[in-house]
PDB file of N, CA and C in Angstrom:
ATOM      1  N   MET A   1     -37.451 -16.873   4.397  1.00  0.00           N
ATOM      2  CA  MET A   1     -36.796 -16.627   5.658  1.00  0.00           C
ATOM      3  C   MET A   1     -37.589 -15.609   6.491  1.00  0.00           C
ATOM      4  N   ASP A   2     -38.160 -14.594   5.831  1.00  0.00           N
ATOM      5  CA  ASP A   2     -38.972 -13.606   6.537  1.00  0.00           C
ATOM      6  C   ASP A   2     -40.229 -14.246   7.133  1.00  0.00           C
ATOM      7  N   LEU A   3     -40.792 -15.206   6.403  1.00  0.00           N
ATOM      8  CA  LEU A   3     -41.976 -15.897   6.897  1.00  0.00           C
ATOM      9  C   LEU A   3     -41.663 -16.649   8.192  1.00  0.00           C
ATOM     10  N   ARG A   4     -40.503 -17.310   8.236  1.00  0.00           N
ATOM     11  CA  ARG A   4     -40.090 -18.054   9.433  1.00  0.00           C
ATOM     12  C   ARG A   4     -39.894 -17.109  10.618  1.00  0.00           C
ATOM     13  N   ARG A   5     -39.255 -15.961  10.384  1.00  0.00           N
ATOM     14  CA  ARG A   5     -39.055 -14.990  11.475  1.00  0.00           C
ATOM     15  C   ARG A   5     -40.383 -14.452  11.980  1.00  0.00           C
ATOM     16  N   GLY A   6     -41.316 -14.230  11.062  1.00  0.00           N
ATOM     17  CA  GLY A   6     -42.641 -13.744  11.450  1.00  0.00           C
ATOM     18  C   GLY A   6     -43.397 -14.767  12.279  1.00  0.00           C
ATOM     19  N   MET A   7     -43.304 -16.014  11.871  1.00  0.00           N
ATOM     20  CA  MET A   7     -43.963 -17.080  12.632  1.00  0.00           C
ATOM     21  C   MET A   7     -43.336 -17.235  14.016  1.00  0.00           C
ATOM     22  N   GLN A   8     -42.021 -17.129  14.100  1.00  0.00           N
ATOM     23  CA  GLN A   8     -41.344 -17.244  15.394  1.00  0.00           C
ATOM     24  C   GLN A   8     -41.717 -16.082  16.307  1.00  0.00           C
ATOM     25  N   ALA A   9     -41.849 -14.876  15.739  1.00  0.00           N
ATOM     26  CA  ALA A   9     -42.265 -13.717  16.533  1.00  0.00           C
ATOM     27  C   ALA A   9     -43.690 -13.916  17.052  1.00  0.00           C
ATOM     28  N   ALA A  10     -44.565 -14.489  16.216  1.00  0.00           N
ATOM     29  CA  ALA A  10     -45.939 -14.751  16.644  1.00  0.00           C
ATOM     30  C   ALA A  10     -45.965 -15.787  17.767  1.00  0.00           C
ATOM     31  N   VAL A  11     -45.164 -16.829  17.634  1.00  0.00           N
ATOM     32  CA  VAL A  11     -45.101 -17.864  18.671  1.00  0.00           C
ATOM     33  C   VAL A  11     -44.595 -17.265  19.984  1.00  0.00           C
ATOM     34  N   ASP A  12     -43.564 -16.446  19.912  1.00  0.00           N
ATOM     35  CA  ASP A  12     -43.031 -15.800  21.116  1.00  0.00           C
ATOM     36  C   ASP A  12     -44.085 -14.927  21.791  1.00  0.00           C
ATOM     37  N   GLN A  13     -44.847 -14.196  21.011  1.00  0.00           N
ATOM     38  CA  GLN A  13     -45.892 -13.326  21.551  1.00  0.00           C
ATOM     39  C   GLN A  13     -47.002 -14.151  22.203  1.00  0.00           C
ATOM     40  N   ILE A  14     -47.380 -15.252  21.564  1.00  0.00           N
ATOM     41  CA  ILE A  14     -48.425 -16.118  22.122  1.00  0.00           C
ATOM     42  C   ILE A  14     -47.955 -16.738  23.442  1.00  0.00           C
ATOM     43  N   LEU A  15     -46.700 -17.194  23.486  1.00  0.00           N
ATOM     44  CA  LEU A  15     -46.170 -17.776  24.717  1.00  0.00           C
ATOM     45  C   LEU A  15     -46.129 -16.759  25.850  1.00  0.00           C
ATOM     46  N   LYS A  16     -45.769 -15.504  25.527  1.00  0.00           N
ATOM     47  CA  LYS A  16     -45.772 -14.446  26.547  1.00  0.00           C
ATOM     48  C   LYS A  16     -47.179 -14.215  27.084  1.00  0.00           C
ATOM     49  N   GLU A  17     -48.144 -14.209  26.181  1.00  0.00           N
ATOM     50  CA  GLU A  17     -49.531 -13.982  26.573  1.00  0.00           C
ATOM     51  C   GLU A  17     -50.059 -15.138  27.420  1.00  0.00           C
ATOM     52  N   LEU A  18     -49.708 -16.368  27.043  1.00  0.00           N
ATOM     53  CA  LEU A  18     -50.131 -17.531  27.834  1.00  0.00           C
ATOM     54  C   LEU A  18     -49.509 -17.513  29.227  1.00  0.00           C
ATOM     55  N   ASP A  19     -48.249 -17.114  29.327  1.00  0.00           N
ATOM     56  CA  ASP A  19     -47.608 -17.004  30.638  1.00  0.00           C
ATOM     57  C   ASP A  19     -48.297 -15.967  31.509  1.00  0.00           C
ATOM     58  N   ALA A  20     -48.763 -14.876  30.892  1.00  0.00           N
ATOM     59  CA  ALA A  20     -49.460 -13.836  31.654  1.00  0.00           C
ATOM     60  C   ALA A  20     -50.827 -14.326  32.128  1.00  0.00           C
ATOM     61  N   LEU A  21     -51.487 -15.174  31.339  1.00  0.00           N
ATOM     62  CA  LEU A  21     -52.817 -15.667  31.688  1.00  0.00           C
ATOM     63  C   LEU A  21     -52.785 -16.886  32.611  1.00  0.00           C
ATOM     64  N   ALA A  22     -51.662 -17.554  32.703  1.00  0.00           N
ATOM     65  CA  ALA A  22     -51.562 -18.801  33.466  1.00  0.00           C
ATOM     66  C   ALA A  22     -51.744 -18.552  34.953  1.00  0.00           C
ATOM     67  N   THR A  23     -52.404 -19.502  35.608  1.00  0.00           N
ATOM     68  CA  THR A  23     -52.588 -19.461  37.052  1.00  0.00           C
ATOM     69  C   THR A  23     -51.876 -20.669  37.642  1.00  0.00           C
ATOM     70  N   PRO A  24     -50.796 -20.460  38.391  1.00  0.00           N
ATOM     71  CA  PRO A  24     -50.095 -21.604  38.971  1.00  0.00           C
ATOM     72  C   PRO A  24     -50.949 -22.294  40.029  1.00  0.00           C
ATOM     73  N   ILE A  25     -50.884 -23.622  40.063  1.00  0.00           N
ATOM     74  CA  ILE A  25     -51.616 -24.386  41.072  1.00  0.00           C
ATOM     75  C   ILE A  25     -50.606 -25.106  41.965  1.00  0.00           C
ATOM     76  N   SER A  26     -50.959 -25.256  43.223  1.00  0.00           N
ATOM     77  CA  SER A  26     -50.017 -25.888  44.135  1.00  0.00           C
ATOM     78  C   SER A  26     -50.683 -26.832  45.134  1.00  0.00           C
ATOM     79  N   THR A  27     -51.926 -26.579  45.484  1.00  0.00           N
ATOM     80  CA  THR A  27     -52.565 -27.420  46.490  1.00  0.00           C
ATOM     81  C   THR A  27     -53.139 -28.683  45.855  1.00  0.00           C
ATOM     82  N   ASP A  28     -53.355 -29.698  46.670  1.00  0.00           N
ATOM     83  CA  ASP A  28     -53.940 -30.946  46.186  1.00  0.00           C
ATOM     84  C   ASP A  28     -55.347 -30.730  45.648  1.00  0.00           C
ATOM     85  N   GLU A  29     -56.082 -29.820  46.259  1.00  0.00           N
ATOM     86  CA  GLU A  29     -57.446 -29.545  45.815  1.00  0.00           C
ATOM     87  C   GLU A  29     -57.460 -28.919  44.417  1.00  0.00           C
ATOM     88  N   GLU A  30     -56.543 -27.991  44.150  1.00  0.00           N
ATOM     89  CA  GLU A  30     -56.454 -27.377  42.822  1.00  0.00           C
ATOM     90  C   GLU A  30     -56.032 -28.405  41.770  1.00  0.00           C
ATOM     91  N   ILE A  31     -55.088 -29.265  42.131  1.00  0.00           N
ATOM     92  CA  ILE A  31     -54.656 -30.315  41.202  1.00  0.00           C
ATOM     93  C   ILE A  31     -55.824 -31.259  40.920  1.00  0.00           C
ATOM     94  N   SER A  32     -56.601 -31.591  41.941  1.00  0.00           N
ATOM     95  CA  SER A  32     -57.761 -32.456  41.770  1.00  0.00           C
ATOM     96  C   SER A  32     -58.800 -31.811  40.856  1.00  0.00           C
ATOM     97  N   GLN A  33     -58.995 -30.503  40.988  1.00  0.00           N
ATOM     98  CA  GLN A  33     -59.967 -29.807  40.131  1.00  0.00           C
ATOM     99  C   GLN A  33     -59.545 -29.844  38.666  1.00  0.00           C
ATOM    100  N   VAL A  34     -58.263 -29.576  38.402  1.00  0.00           N
ATOM    101  CA  VAL A  34     -57.770 -29.604  37.022  1.00  0.00           C
ATOM    102  C   VAL A  34     -57.836 -31.026  36.463  1.00  0.00           C
ATOM    103  N   ALA A  35     -57.461 -32.015  37.274  1.00  0.00           N
ATOM    104  CA  ALA A  35     -57.499 -33.406  36.826  1.00  0.00           C
ATOM    105  C   ALA A  35     -58.930 -33.864  36.581  1.00  0.00           C
ATOM    106  N   THR A  36     -59.868 -33.415  37.393  1.00  0.00           N
ATOM    107  CA  THR A  36     -61.273 -33.768  37.202  1.00  0.00           C
ATOM    108  C   THR A  36     -61.799 -33.210  35.886  1.00  0.00           C
ATOM    109  N   ILE A  37     -61.439 -31.989  35.562  1.00  0.00           N
ATOM    110  CA  ILE A  37     -61.853 -31.397  34.290  1.00  0.00           C
ATOM    111  C   ILE A  37     -61.248 -32.182  33.124  1.00  0.00           C
ATOM    112  N   SER A  38     -59.984 -32.572  33.262  1.00  0.00           N
ATOM    113  CA  SER A  38     -59.312 -33.331  32.210  1.00  0.00           C
ATOM    114  C   SER A  38     -59.899 -34.725  32.049  1.00  0.00           C
ATOM    115  N   ALA A  39     -60.506 -35.262  33.091  1.00  0.00           N
ATOM    116  CA  ALA A  39     -61.069 -36.614  33.062  1.00  0.00           C
ATOM    117  C   ALA A  39     -62.571 -36.583  32.781  1.00  0.00           C
ATOM    118  N   ASN A  40     -63.027 -35.624  32.011  1.00  0.00           N
ATOM    119  CA  ASN A  40     -64.450 -35.497  31.649  1.00  0.00           C
ATOM    120  C   ASN A  40     -65.345 -35.407  32.879  1.00  0.00           C
ATOM    121  N   SER A  41     -64.926 -34.604  33.847  1.00  0.00           N
ATOM    122  CA  SER A  41     -65.680 -34.331  35.075  1.00  0.00           C
ATOM    123  C   SER A  41     -65.880 -35.569  35.941  1.00  0.00           C
ATOM    124  N   ASP A  42     -64.974 -36.526  35.854  1.00  0.00           N
ATOM    125  CA  ASP A  42     -65.017 -37.713  36.719  1.00  0.00           C
ATOM    126  C   ASP A  42     -64.209 -37.406  37.976  1.00  0.00           C
ATOM    127  N   LYS A  43     -64.903 -37.117  39.071  1.00  0.00           N
ATOM    128  CA  LYS A  43     -64.258 -36.696  40.317  1.00  0.00           C
ATOM    129  C   LYS A  43     -63.348 -37.785  40.886  1.00  0.00           C
ATOM    130  N   GLN A  44     -63.759 -39.046  40.761  1.00  0.00           N
ATOM    131  CA  GLN A  44     -62.962 -40.146  41.307  1.00  0.00           C
ATOM    132  C   GLN A  44     -61.604 -40.229  40.593  1.00  0.00           C
ATOM    133  N   VAL A  45     -61.596 -40.097  39.276  1.00  0.00           N
ATOM    134  CA  VAL A  45     -60.341 -40.125  38.506  1.00  0.00           C
ATOM    135  C   VAL A  45     -59.509 -38.888  38.830  1.00  0.00           C
ATOM    136  N   GLY A  46     -60.148 -37.748  38.978  1.00  0.00           N
ATOM    137  CA  GLY A  46     -59.437 -36.524  39.343  1.00  0.00           C
ATOM    138  C   GLY A  46     -58.739 -36.640  40.686  1.00  0.00           C
ATOM    139  N   ASP A  47     -59.426 -37.231  41.660  1.00  0.00           N
ATOM    140  CA  ASP A  47     -58.817 -37.432  42.981  1.00  0.00           C
ATOM    141  C   ASP A  47     -57.669 -38.443  42.915  1.00  0.00           C
ATOM    142  N   LEU A  48     -57.821 -39.469  42.076  1.00  0.00           N
ATOM    143  CA  LEU A  48     -56.769 -40.472  41.923  1.00  0.00           C
ATOM    144  C   LEU A  48     -55.508 -39.851  41.309  1.00  0.00           C
ATOM    145  N   ILE A  49     -55.697 -39.003  40.316  1.00  0.00           N
ATOM    146  CA  ILE A  49     -54.556 -38.324  39.692  1.00  0.00           C
ATOM    147  C   ILE A  49     -53.916 -37.350  40.672  1.00  0.00           C
ATOM    148  N   ALA A  50     -54.717 -36.665  41.473  1.00  0.00           N
ATOM    149  CA  ALA A  50     -54.175 -35.742  42.474  1.00  0.00           C
ATOM    150  C   ALA A  50     -53.351 -36.493  43.518  1.00  0.00           C
ATOM    151  N   SER A  51     -53.811 -37.672  43.928  1.00  0.00           N
ATOM    152  CA  SER A  51     -53.026 -38.445  44.895  1.00  0.00           C
ATOM    153  C   SER A  51     -51.749 -38.972  44.252  1.00  0.00           C
ATOM    154  N   ALA A  52     -51.800 -39.307  42.968  1.00  0.00           N
ATOM    155  CA  ALA A  52     -50.583 -39.733  42.256  1.00  0.00           C
ATOM    156  C   ALA A  52     -49.593 -38.576  42.172  1.00  0.00           C
ATOM    157  N   MET A  53     -50.075 -37.373  41.899  1.00  0.00           N
ATOM    158  CA  MET A  53     -49.203 -36.194  41.852  1.00  0.00           C
ATOM    159  C   MET A  53     -48.575 -35.934  43.215  1.00  0.00           C
ATOM    160  N   ALA A  54     -49.329 -36.146  44.277  1.00  0.00           N
ATOM    161  CA  ALA A  54     -48.789 -35.940  45.626  1.00  0.00           C
ATOM    162  C   ALA A  54     -47.676 -36.945  45.924  1.00  0.00           C
ATOM    163  N   LYS A  55     -47.802 -38.163  45.400  1.00  0.00           N
ATOM    164  CA  LYS A  55     -46.797 -39.193  45.674  1.00  0.00           C
ATOM    165  C   LYS A  55     -45.527 -39.016  44.849  1.00  0.00           C
ATOM    166  N   VAL A  56     -45.660 -38.620  43.571  1.00  0.00           N
ATOM    167  CA  VAL A  56     -44.467 -38.527  42.710  1.00  0.00           C
ATOM    168  C   VAL A  56     -43.825 -37.156  42.735  1.00  0.00           C
ATOM    169  N   GLY A  57     -44.547 -36.125  43.145  1.00  0.00           N
ATOM    170  CA  GLY A  57     -43.994 -34.772  43.188  1.00  0.00           C
ATOM    171  C   GLY A  57     -44.072 -34.085  41.834  1.00  0.00           C
ATOM    172  N   LYS A  58     -43.580 -32.849  41.800  1.00  0.00           N
ATOM    173  CA  LYS A  58     -43.668 -32.045  40.573  1.00  0.00           C
ATOM    174  C   LYS A  58     -42.806 -32.587  39.445  1.00  0.00           C
ATOM    175  N   GLU A  59     -41.705 -33.234  39.765  1.00  0.00           N
ATOM    176  CA  GLU A  59     -40.782 -33.726  38.752  1.00  0.00           C
ATOM    177  C   GLU A  59     -41.040 -35.186  38.383  1.00  0.00           C
ATOM    178  N   GLY A  60     -42.022 -35.810  39.006  1.00  0.00           N
ATOM    179  CA  GLY A  60     -42.296 -37.219  38.757  1.00  0.00           C
ATOM    180  C   GLY A  60     -43.043 -37.443  37.461  1.00  0.00           C
ATOM    181  N   VAL A  61     -43.197 -38.696  37.100  1.00  0.00           N
ATOM    182  CA  VAL A  61     -43.877 -39.085  35.863  1.00  0.00           C
ATOM    183  C   VAL A  61     -45.086 -39.932  36.225  1.00  0.00           C
ATOM    184  N   ILE A  62     -46.212 -39.616  35.604  1.00  0.00           N
ATOM    185  CA  ILE A  62     -47.440 -40.387  35.809  1.00  0.00           C
ATOM    186  C   ILE A  62     -47.824 -41.001  34.470  1.00  0.00           C
ATOM    187  N   THR A  63     -48.060 -42.299  34.466  1.00  0.00           N
ATOM    188  CA  THR A  63     -48.489 -42.997  33.261  1.00  0.00           C
ATOM    189  C   THR A  63     -49.879 -43.566  33.519  1.00  0.00           C
ATOM    190  N   VAL A  64     -50.813 -43.285  32.609  1.00  0.00           N
ATOM    191  CA  VAL A  64     -52.182 -43.773  32.735  1.00  0.00           C
ATOM    192  C   VAL A  64     -52.376 -44.879  31.703  1.00  0.00           C
ATOM    193  N   GLN A  65     -52.912 -46.000  32.147  1.00  0.00           N
ATOM    194  CA  GLN A  65     -53.134 -47.127  31.250  1.00  0.00           C
ATOM    195  C   GLN A  65     -54.558 -47.643  31.403  1.00  0.00           C
ATOM    196  N   ASP A  66     -55.098 -48.197  30.318  1.00  0.00           N
ATOM    197  CA  ASP A  66     -56.395 -48.850  30.391  1.00  0.00           C
ATOM    198  C   ASP A  66     -56.236 -50.176  31.099  1.00  0.00           C
ATOM    199  N   GLY A  67     -57.176 -50.482  31.954  1.00  0.00           N
ATOM    200  CA  GLY A  67     -57.133 -51.752  32.675  1.00  0.00           C
ATOM    201  C   GLY A  67     -58.240 -52.674  32.210  1.00  0.00           C
ATOM    202  N   LYS A  68     -58.187 -53.913  32.656  1.00  0.00           N
ATOM    203  CA  LYS A  68     -59.197 -54.893  32.282  1.00  0.00           C
ATOM    204  C   LYS A  68     -60.249 -55.053  33.369  1.00  0.00           C
ATOM    205  N   THR A  69     -60.075 -54.350  34.475  1.00  0.00           N
ATOM    206  CA  THR A  69     -61.046 -54.443  35.566  1.00  0.00           C
ATOM    207  C   THR A  69     -61.946 -53.216  35.553  1.00  0.00           C
ATOM    208  N   LEU A  70     -62.952 -53.247  36.372  1.00  0.00           N
ATOM    209  CA  LEU A  70     -63.885 -52.120  36.463  1.00  0.00           C
ATOM    210  C   LEU A  70     -63.456 -51.096  37.502  1.00  0.00           C
ATOM    211  N   GLU A  71     -62.378 -51.370  38.221  1.00  0.00           N
ATOM    212  CA  GLU A  71     -61.925 -50.495  39.292  1.00  0.00           C
ATOM    213  C   GLU A  71     -60.740 -49.653  38.838  1.00  0.00           C
ATOM    214  N   ASP A  72     -60.663 -48.439  39.369  1.00  0.00           N
ATOM    215  CA  ASP A  72     -59.503 -47.581  39.136  1.00  0.00           C
ATOM    216  C   ASP A  72     -58.496 -47.849  40.243  1.00  0.00           C
ATOM    217  N   GLU A  73     -57.224 -47.969  39.881  1.00  0.00           N
ATOM    218  CA  GLU A  73     -56.214 -48.238  40.899  1.00  0.00           C
ATOM    219  C   GLU A  73     -54.963 -47.428  40.608  1.00  0.00           C
ATOM    220  N   LEU A  74     -54.185 -47.238  41.658  1.00  0.00           N
ATOM    221  CA  LEU A  74     -52.954 -46.466  41.572  1.00  0.00           C
ATOM    222  C   LEU A  74     -51.795 -47.362  41.976  1.00  0.00           C
ATOM    223  N   GLU A  75     -50.794 -47.462  41.099  1.00  0.00           N
ATOM    224  CA  GLU A  75     -49.595 -48.252  41.378  1.00  0.00           C
ATOM    225  C   GLU A  75     -48.403 -47.308  41.319  1.00  0.00           C
ATOM    226  N   VAL A  76     -47.646 -47.235  42.403  1.00  0.00           N
ATOM    227  CA  VAL A  76     -46.474 -46.379  42.470  1.00  0.00           C
ATOM    228  C   VAL A  76     -45.236 -47.246  42.301  1.00  0.00           C
ATOM    229  N   VAL A  77     -44.379 -46.875  41.348  1.00  0.00           N
ATOM    230  CA  VAL A  77     -43.152 -47.614  41.074  1.00  0.00           C
ATOM    231  C   VAL A  77     -41.983 -46.716  41.446  1.00  0.00           C
ATOM    232  N   GLU A  78     -41.169 -47.188  42.371  1.00  0.00           N
ATOM    233  CA  GLU A  78     -39.976 -46.443  42.755  1.00  0.00           C
ATOM    234  C   GLU A  78     -38.893 -46.706  41.719  1.00  0.00           C
ATOM    235  N   GLY A  79     -38.213 -45.673  41.296  1.00  0.00           N
ATOM    236  CA  GLY A  79     -37.149 -45.840  40.299  1.00  0.00           C
ATOM    237  C   GLY A  79     -37.727 -45.835  38.898  1.00  0.00           C
ATOM    238  N   MET A  80     -37.101 -46.586  38.013  1.00  0.00           N
ATOM    239  CA  MET A  80     -37.540 -46.629  36.619  1.00  0.00           C
ATOM    240  C   MET A  80     -38.081 -48.008  36.290  1.00  0.00           C
ATOM    241  N   LYS A  81     -39.028 -48.053  35.359  1.00  0.00           N
ATOM    242  CA  LYS A  81     -39.606 -49.318  34.940  1.00  0.00           C
ATOM    243  C   LYS A  81     -39.667 -49.321  33.420  1.00  0.00           C
ATOM    244  N   PHE A  82     -39.137 -50.369  32.819  1.00  0.00           N
ATOM    245  CA  PHE A  82     -39.150 -50.510  31.367  1.00  0.00           C
ATOM    246  C   PHE A  82     -40.155 -51.596  31.002  1.00  0.00           C
ATOM    247  N   ASP A  83     -41.061 -51.285  30.096  1.00  0.00           N
ATOM    248  CA  ASP A  83     -42.086 -52.236  29.699  1.00  0.00           C
ATOM    249  C   ASP A  83     -41.546 -53.312  28.755  1.00  0.00           C
ATOM    250  N   ARG A  84     -40.469 -53.029  28.046  1.00  0.00           N
ATOM    251  CA  ARG A  84     -39.977 -53.951  27.027  1.00  0.00           C
ATOM    252  C   ARG A  84     -39.221 -55.138  27.604  1.00  0.00           C
ATOM    253  N   GLY A  85     -38.771 -55.052  28.820  1.00  0.00           N
ATOM    254  CA  GLY A  85     -38.040 -56.156  29.409  1.00  0.00           C
ATOM    255  C   GLY A  85     -36.564 -56.091  29.104  1.00  0.00           C
ATOM    256  N   TYR A  86     -35.855 -57.137  29.442  1.00  0.00           N
ATOM    257  CA  TYR A  86     -34.419 -57.174  29.248  1.00  0.00           C
ATOM    258  C   TYR A  86     -34.089 -57.782  27.887  1.00  0.00           C
ATOM    259  N   ILE A  87     -32.923 -57.436  27.377  1.00  0.00           N
ATOM    260  CA  ILE A  87     -32.497 -57.916  26.068  1.00  0.00           C
ATOM    261  C   ILE A  87     -31.957 -59.340  26.165  1.00  0.00           C
ATOM    262  N   SER A  88     -31.228 -59.618  27.196  1.00  0.00           N
ATOM    263  CA  SER A  88     -30.574 -60.920  27.341  1.00  0.00           C
ATOM    264  C   SER A  88     -31.000 -61.573  28.652  1.00  0.00           C
ATOM    265  N   PRO A  89     -31.192 -62.893  28.661  1.00  0.00           N
ATOM    266  CA  PRO A  89     -31.549 -63.558  29.915  1.00  0.00           C
ATOM    267  C   PRO A  89     -30.428 -63.509  30.957  1.00  0.00           C
ATOM    268  N   TYR A  90     -29.217 -63.152  30.539  1.00  0.00           N
ATOM    269  CA  TYR A  90     -28.109 -63.036  31.488  1.00  0.00           C
ATOM    270  C   TYR A  90     -28.262 -61.828  32.413  1.00  0.00           C
ATOM    271  N   PHE A  91     -29.175 -60.912  32.087  1.00  0.00           N
ATOM    272  CA  PHE A  91     -29.424 -59.758  32.944  1.00  0.00           C
ATOM    273  C   PHE A  91     -30.267 -60.118  34.166  1.00  0.00           C
ATOM    274  N   VAL A  92     -30.906 -61.258  34.179  1.00  0.00           N
ATOM    275  CA  VAL A  92     -31.808 -61.645  35.258  1.00  0.00           C
ATOM    276  C   VAL A  92     -31.024 -61.793  36.561  1.00  0.00           C
ATOM    277  N   THR A  93     -31.510 -61.110  37.614  1.00  0.00           N
ATOM    278  CA  THR A  93     -30.857 -61.202  38.922  1.00  0.00           C
ATOM    279  C   THR A  93     -31.636 -62.100  39.873  1.00  0.00           C
ATOM    280  N   ASP A  94     -32.915 -62.327  39.599  1.00  0.00           N
ATOM    281  CA  ASP A  94     -33.743 -63.207  40.418  1.00  0.00           C
ATOM    282  C   ASP A  94     -34.336 -64.282  39.507  1.00  0.00           C
ATOM    283  N   GLN A  95     -33.767 -65.483  39.527  1.00  0.00           N
ATOM    284  CA  GLN A  95     -34.184 -66.550  38.617  1.00  0.00           C
ATOM    285  C   GLN A  95     -35.623 -67.005  38.870  1.00  0.00           C
ATOM    286  N   LYS A  96     -36.070 -66.921  40.119  1.00  0.00           N
ATOM    287  CA  LYS A  96     -37.413 -67.397  40.457  1.00  0.00           C
ATOM    288  C   LYS A  96     -38.498 -66.540  39.798  1.00  0.00           C
ATOM    289  N   SER A  97     -38.360 -65.236  39.912  1.00  0.00           N
ATOM    290  CA  SER A  97     -39.382 -64.338  39.352  1.00  0.00           C
ATOM    291  C   SER A  97     -39.004 -63.800  37.975  1.00  0.00           C
ATOM    292  N   GLN A  98     -37.823 -64.166  37.486  1.00  0.00           N
ATOM    293  CA  GLN A  98     -37.330 -63.715  36.178  1.00  0.00           C
ATOM    294  C   GLN A  98     -37.317 -62.187  36.091  1.00  0.00           C
ATOM    295  N   LYS A  99     -36.853 -61.542  37.152  1.00  0.00           N
ATOM    296  CA  LYS A  99     -36.747 -60.082  37.194  1.00  0.00           C
ATOM    297  C   LYS A  99     -35.295 -59.666  37.136  1.00  0.00           C
ATOM    298  N   CYS A 100     -35.095 -58.475  36.628  1.00  0.00           N
ATOM    299  CA  CYS A 100     -33.770 -57.873  36.568  1.00  0.00           C
ATOM    300  C   CYS A 100     -33.825 -56.605  37.418  1.00  0.00           C
ATOM    301  N   GLU A 101     -33.313 -56.670  38.635  1.00  0.00           N
ATOM    302  CA  GLU A 101     -33.361 -55.528  39.544  1.00  0.00           C
ATOM    303  C   GLU A 101     -31.947 -55.170  39.977  1.00  0.00           C
ATOM    304  N   PHE A 102     -31.619 -53.888  39.863  1.00  0.00           N
ATOM    305  CA  PHE A 102     -30.313 -53.397  40.271  1.00  0.00           C
ATOM    306  C   PHE A 102     -30.495 -52.294  41.295  1.00  0.00           C
ATOM    307  N   GLU A 103     -29.564 -52.185  42.222  1.00  0.00           N
ATOM    308  CA  GLU A 103     -29.568 -51.092  43.184  1.00  0.00           C
ATOM    309  C   GLU A 103     -28.345 -50.234  42.929  1.00  0.00           C
ATOM    310  N   ASP A 104     -28.505 -48.926  43.019  1.00  0.00           N
ATOM    311  CA  ASP A 104     -27.435 -47.949  42.786  1.00  0.00           C
ATOM    312  C   ASP A 104     -26.751 -48.176  41.436  1.00  0.00           C
ATOM    313  N   ALA A 105     -27.546 -48.433  40.417  1.00  0.00           N
ATOM    314  CA  ALA A 105     -27.007 -48.700  39.079  1.00  0.00           C
ATOM    315  C   ALA A 105     -26.631 -47.393  38.386  1.00  0.00           C
ATOM    316  N   LEU A 106     -25.588 -47.428  37.597  1.00  0.00           N
ATOM    317  CA  LEU A 106     -25.190 -46.289  36.778  1.00  0.00           C
ATOM    318  C   LEU A 106     -25.723 -46.507  35.367  1.00  0.00           C
ATOM    319  N   MET A 107     -26.278 -45.460  34.773  1.00  0.00           N
ATOM    320  CA  MET A 107     -26.854 -45.587  33.439  1.00  0.00           C
ATOM    321  C   MET A 107     -26.241 -44.543  32.523  1.00  0.00           C
ATOM    322  N   LEU A 108     -26.064 -44.911  31.279  1.00  0.00           N
ATOM    323  CA  LEU A 108     -25.551 -44.012  30.253  1.00  0.00           C
ATOM    324  C   LEU A 108     -26.622 -43.868  29.192  1.00  0.00           C
ATOM    325  N   PHE A 109     -27.110 -42.655  29.000  1.00  0.00           N
ATOM    326  CA  PHE A 109     -28.102 -42.379  27.974  1.00  0.00           C
ATOM    327  C   PHE A 109     -27.414 -41.682  26.811  1.00  0.00           C
ATOM    328  N   VAL A 110     -27.622 -42.175  25.616  1.00  0.00           N
ATOM    329  CA  VAL A 110     -27.040 -41.573  24.429  1.00  0.00           C
ATOM    330  C   VAL A 110     -28.134 -41.312  23.417  1.00  0.00           C
ATOM    331  N   GLU A 111     -27.892 -40.367  22.556  1.00  0.00           N
ATOM    332  CA  GLU A 111     -28.899 -39.967  21.584  1.00  0.00           C
ATOM    333  C   GLU A 111     -28.965 -40.918  20.389  1.00  0.00           C
ATOM    334  N   LYS A 112     -27.825 -41.487  20.026  1.00  0.00           N
ATOM    335  CA  LYS A 112     -27.767 -42.352  18.843  1.00  0.00           C
ATOM    336  C   LYS A 112     -27.260 -43.728  19.241  1.00  0.00           C
ATOM    337  N   LYS A 113     -27.237 -44.640  18.300  1.00  0.00           N
ATOM    338  CA  LYS A 113     -26.771 -45.994  18.550  1.00  0.00           C
ATOM    339  C   LYS A 113     -25.258 -45.996  18.798  1.00  0.00           C
ATOM    340  N   VAL A 114     -24.831 -46.729  19.819  1.00  0.00           N
ATOM    341  CA  VAL A 114     -23.410 -46.869  20.114  1.00  0.00           C
ATOM    342  C   VAL A 114     -22.870 -48.024  19.287  1.00  0.00           C
ATOM    343  N   THR A 115     -21.889 -47.738  18.421  1.00  0.00           N
ATOM    344  CA  THR A 115     -21.370 -48.780  17.539  1.00  0.00           C
ATOM    345  C   THR A 115     -19.969 -49.233  17.941  1.00  0.00           C
ATOM    346  N   THR A 116     -19.176 -48.331  18.501  1.00  0.00           N
ATOM    347  CA  THR A 116     -17.812 -48.723  18.896  1.00  0.00           C
ATOM    348  C   THR A 116     -17.510 -48.183  20.281  1.00  0.00           C
ATOM    349  N   LEU A 117     -16.655 -48.898  20.978  1.00  0.00           N
ATOM    350  CA  LEU A 117     -16.176 -48.453  22.284  1.00  0.00           C
ATOM    351  C   LEU A 117     -14.657 -48.378  22.230  1.00  0.00           C
ATOM    352  N   HIS A 118     -14.097 -47.349  22.812  1.00  0.00           N
ATOM    353  CA  HIS A 118     -12.634 -47.196  22.807  1.00  0.00           C
ATOM    354  C   HIS A 118     -12.072 -47.434  24.179  1.00  0.00           C
TER     355      HIS A 118
END
């Protein structure tokens, strides 16, 4: 138990030190510089990530995927997108494109599997 408390104290101290050393970034140019460093000094990828950050904002989510083309591209998706698709074909709202699109939908997120409803 003493070992765990010691490790937690060390983690707390390291986090405090990192917060003191951190430099907040806010401009598109600073975001581009950090993204360029993260992309192995590829300025084009850094600028693409900076423009994605500008579009989604600080609370947005950016997903990077490998493509089959030689070009880098940016696709912005409004709302949420699930890669797995729908569970039942009855969810399809557009039969022509086989898409399931809802507007102003309510969602319930749960931590575990829902087995019964009351």
